Protein backbone atom coordinates (compact mmCIF):
# COMPACT_ATOMS: atom_id res chain seq x y z
CA MET A 1 101.51 51.34 112.69
CA THR A 2 101.88 52.05 109.00
CA PHE A 3 100.01 54.38 106.70
CA SER A 4 100.64 55.17 103.07
CA ILE A 5 99.39 56.91 99.98
CA VAL A 6 99.89 55.82 96.37
CA ALA A 7 99.14 58.53 93.84
CA CYS A 8 99.31 59.37 90.16
CA ASP A 9 99.39 62.77 88.47
CA ALA A 10 98.45 61.66 84.96
CA HIS A 11 98.89 65.18 83.53
CA ALA A 12 102.50 65.41 84.77
CA GLU A 13 103.08 61.69 84.07
CA GLN A 14 104.25 61.16 87.66
CA MET A 15 103.40 58.63 90.32
CA GLY A 16 104.63 58.02 93.81
CA VAL A 17 104.23 56.40 97.19
CA ALA A 18 104.64 58.06 100.57
CA VAL A 19 104.72 55.87 103.65
CA ALA A 20 105.16 56.38 107.38
CA SER A 21 105.73 53.47 109.74
CA LYS A 22 107.30 52.40 113.00
CA PHE A 23 109.32 49.85 111.04
CA LEU A 24 112.88 50.65 110.05
CA ALA A 25 113.71 50.69 106.33
CA VAL A 26 110.02 50.64 105.40
CA GLY A 27 110.97 52.14 102.04
CA ALA A 28 112.60 48.85 101.07
CA VAL A 29 109.35 46.88 101.47
CA VAL A 30 106.22 49.01 101.06
CA PRO A 31 106.63 51.08 97.85
CA TRP A 32 106.64 49.60 94.34
CA LEU A 33 106.49 51.81 91.26
CA GLU A 34 107.03 51.76 87.53
CA ALA A 35 106.88 54.87 85.35
CA GLY A 36 103.91 54.84 83.00
CA VAL A 37 102.45 51.73 84.68
CA GLY A 38 101.46 52.19 88.32
CA ALA A 39 102.33 52.30 92.00
CA ILE A 40 101.64 49.83 94.80
CA ALA A 41 102.05 49.95 98.57
CA THR A 42 102.05 46.65 100.50
CA GLN A 43 101.95 46.75 104.30
CA ALA A 44 100.59 44.99 107.44
CA LEU A 45 102.54 41.73 107.13
CA ALA A 46 103.54 42.94 103.68
CA ASN A 47 103.73 40.51 100.81
CA THR A 48 106.50 41.80 98.57
CA ARG A 49 105.14 39.78 95.61
CA TYR A 50 102.26 42.27 95.40
CA GLY A 51 104.64 44.89 93.95
CA PRO A 52 106.22 43.10 90.99
CA ASP A 53 103.18 40.92 90.29
CA GLY A 54 100.72 43.82 90.45
CA LEU A 55 102.91 46.03 88.27
CA THR A 56 103.22 43.24 85.69
CA LEU A 57 99.43 42.96 85.56
CA MET A 58 99.02 46.73 85.15
CA ARG A 59 101.72 46.78 82.46
CA GLU A 60 99.64 44.16 80.63
CA GLY A 61 96.53 46.38 80.81
CA ALA A 62 94.84 45.57 84.12
CA SER A 63 93.42 48.42 86.17
CA ALA A 64 94.69 48.98 89.71
CA ARG A 65 91.57 47.24 91.09
CA GLU A 66 91.93 44.27 88.74
CA ALA A 67 95.63 43.87 89.53
CA LEU A 68 95.02 44.08 93.28
CA ASP A 69 92.18 41.55 93.06
CA VAL A 70 94.42 39.06 91.21
CA VAL A 71 97.34 39.30 93.68
CA LEU A 72 94.93 39.03 96.61
CA ALA A 73 93.23 35.95 95.17
CA ALA A 74 96.62 34.22 94.90
CA ASP A 75 97.59 35.01 98.52
CA THR A 76 96.34 32.75 101.32
CA GLY A 77 97.54 35.39 103.83
CA ARG A 78 95.46 38.21 102.32
CA ASP A 79 93.41 38.63 105.52
CA ASP A 80 96.58 39.80 107.31
CA ARG A 81 97.60 42.26 104.59
CA GLN A 82 96.90 45.78 103.50
CA ALA A 83 97.65 47.26 100.09
CA GLY A 84 96.93 50.23 97.89
CA ALA A 85 97.41 50.64 94.16
CA VAL A 86 97.01 53.28 91.50
CA ASP A 87 97.43 52.81 87.77
CA ALA A 88 98.75 55.25 85.16
CA SER A 89 95.18 56.35 84.38
CA GLY A 90 94.72 57.43 88.01
CA ARG A 91 92.36 54.64 89.07
CA GLY A 92 92.95 53.78 92.72
CA ALA A 93 92.24 50.64 94.73
CA THR A 94 92.78 49.65 98.35
CA HIS A 95 92.47 46.47 100.42
CA THR A 96 92.47 45.89 104.16
CA GLY A 97 92.38 42.29 105.37
CA GLN A 98 89.97 41.32 108.12
CA SER A 99 92.82 40.33 110.45
CA CYS A 100 94.74 43.63 110.27
CA MET A 101 95.27 45.28 113.64
CA PRO A 102 92.63 47.94 114.41
CA TRP A 103 91.93 50.51 113.39
CA ALA A 104 92.73 49.63 109.78
CA GLY A 105 91.17 50.76 106.53
CA GLY A 106 91.56 52.76 103.37
CA ARG A 107 90.00 55.23 100.98
CA THR A 108 90.35 55.95 97.27
CA GLY A 109 89.80 59.02 95.17
CA LEU A 110 90.69 60.35 91.76
CA GLY A 111 94.36 59.50 91.29
CA TYR A 112 95.11 58.03 94.72
CA ALA A 113 94.55 55.41 97.41
CA VAL A 114 95.33 55.89 101.13
CA GLN A 115 95.47 53.13 103.73
CA GLY A 116 96.64 52.62 107.27
CA ASN A 117 96.64 50.26 110.24
CA ILE A 118 96.98 50.55 114.03
CA LEU A 119 95.43 54.03 113.78
CA THR A 120 93.05 55.84 116.12
CA GLY A 121 90.20 55.60 113.60
CA PRO A 122 88.92 56.24 110.09
CA ASP A 123 89.42 59.98 110.54
CA VAL A 124 93.16 59.42 109.93
CA VAL A 125 92.78 58.10 106.38
CA ASP A 126 90.04 60.67 105.76
CA ALA A 127 92.42 63.45 106.85
CA MET A 128 95.17 62.03 104.64
CA ALA A 129 92.83 61.99 101.64
CA GLU A 130 91.59 65.51 102.34
CA ALA A 131 95.14 66.81 102.77
CA TYR A 132 96.19 65.27 99.46
CA GLU A 133 93.08 66.48 97.61
CA GLY A 134 93.44 70.00 99.03
CA SER A 135 97.11 70.41 98.19
CA GLY A 136 98.64 71.70 94.98
CA GLY A 137 102.00 71.78 93.29
CA ALA A 138 104.40 68.96 92.50
CA LEU A 139 103.31 65.40 93.22
CA ALA A 140 106.21 64.87 95.65
CA ASP A 141 105.05 67.84 97.73
CA ARG A 142 101.43 66.69 97.61
CA LEU A 143 102.42 63.20 98.76
CA LEU A 144 104.24 64.60 101.77
CA THR A 145 101.16 66.55 102.90
CA ALA A 146 99.19 63.34 103.49
CA PRO A 147 101.05 61.08 106.00
CA ARG A 148 101.91 63.46 108.83
CA GLY A 149 101.59 61.05 111.75
CA ARG A 150 98.29 62.28 113.15
CA GLY A 151 96.17 59.55 114.62
CA CYS A 152 98.97 57.10 115.33
CA ARG A 153 98.18 54.87 118.31
CA ARG A 154 101.86 54.84 119.25
CA ARG A 155 103.60 57.54 121.30
CA ARG A 156 106.03 58.85 118.69
CA PRO A 157 104.66 58.97 115.14
CA PRO A 158 107.18 58.38 112.35
CA ARG A 159 108.20 60.78 109.62
CA PRO A 160 107.10 60.02 106.08
CA ALA A 161 109.42 58.79 103.34
CA ILE A 162 108.62 59.21 99.67
CA ARG A 163 109.50 57.37 96.50
CA GLY A 164 108.36 58.23 93.01
CA HIS A 165 108.77 57.94 89.26
CA CYS A 166 108.05 60.19 86.35
CA ARG A 167 108.54 59.91 82.61
CA GLY A 168 110.20 63.27 82.03
CA CYS A 169 112.66 63.20 84.95
CA ALA A 170 116.34 62.39 84.74
CA ARG A 171 116.71 58.61 84.94
CA GLY A 172 112.90 58.35 85.24
CA ARG A 173 112.86 58.91 89.02
CA LEU A 174 112.03 61.52 91.56
CA ARG A 175 114.49 61.64 94.40
CA GLY A 176 113.44 60.20 97.74
CA GLN A 177 112.83 62.88 100.34
CA ARG A 178 112.52 62.77 104.09
CA ARG A 179 111.20 65.47 106.39
């Protein structure tokens, strides 16, 4: 079970990824970000090339959807993978391969993409999207409202981890937070 949100606050020039999973050290695999460029989450038999390759494409001018389409086309294992991306303009994209464990899917909106697998149903990603859209304040706080563990098919849902970047922050990064 993994679910994530990639989001961009273009006004604040911030972007981030929040992810919750049963897998240890998920923050070392799922989130990929670059200030002023975009954010990518790769999960469900994650392909870690999606991060650097997708960010390179966005840096060169591709939208989140275009970048995700290119990395998917190059991956013969794409049917086993799930990914979400958002570019610096706030355009979101999501992909769920046909072989991902059910329930799996995603949703996009202005400035974000949410996706998850091994969930109880589509209501989980819908609730994540609604929680994000209905929240206010700093991007880091908004990201943490989305993946709360509801709808996990496992007994003990995980706690979310967050990773982010912003242009105006010290060293160009938001600090990772766990709750």
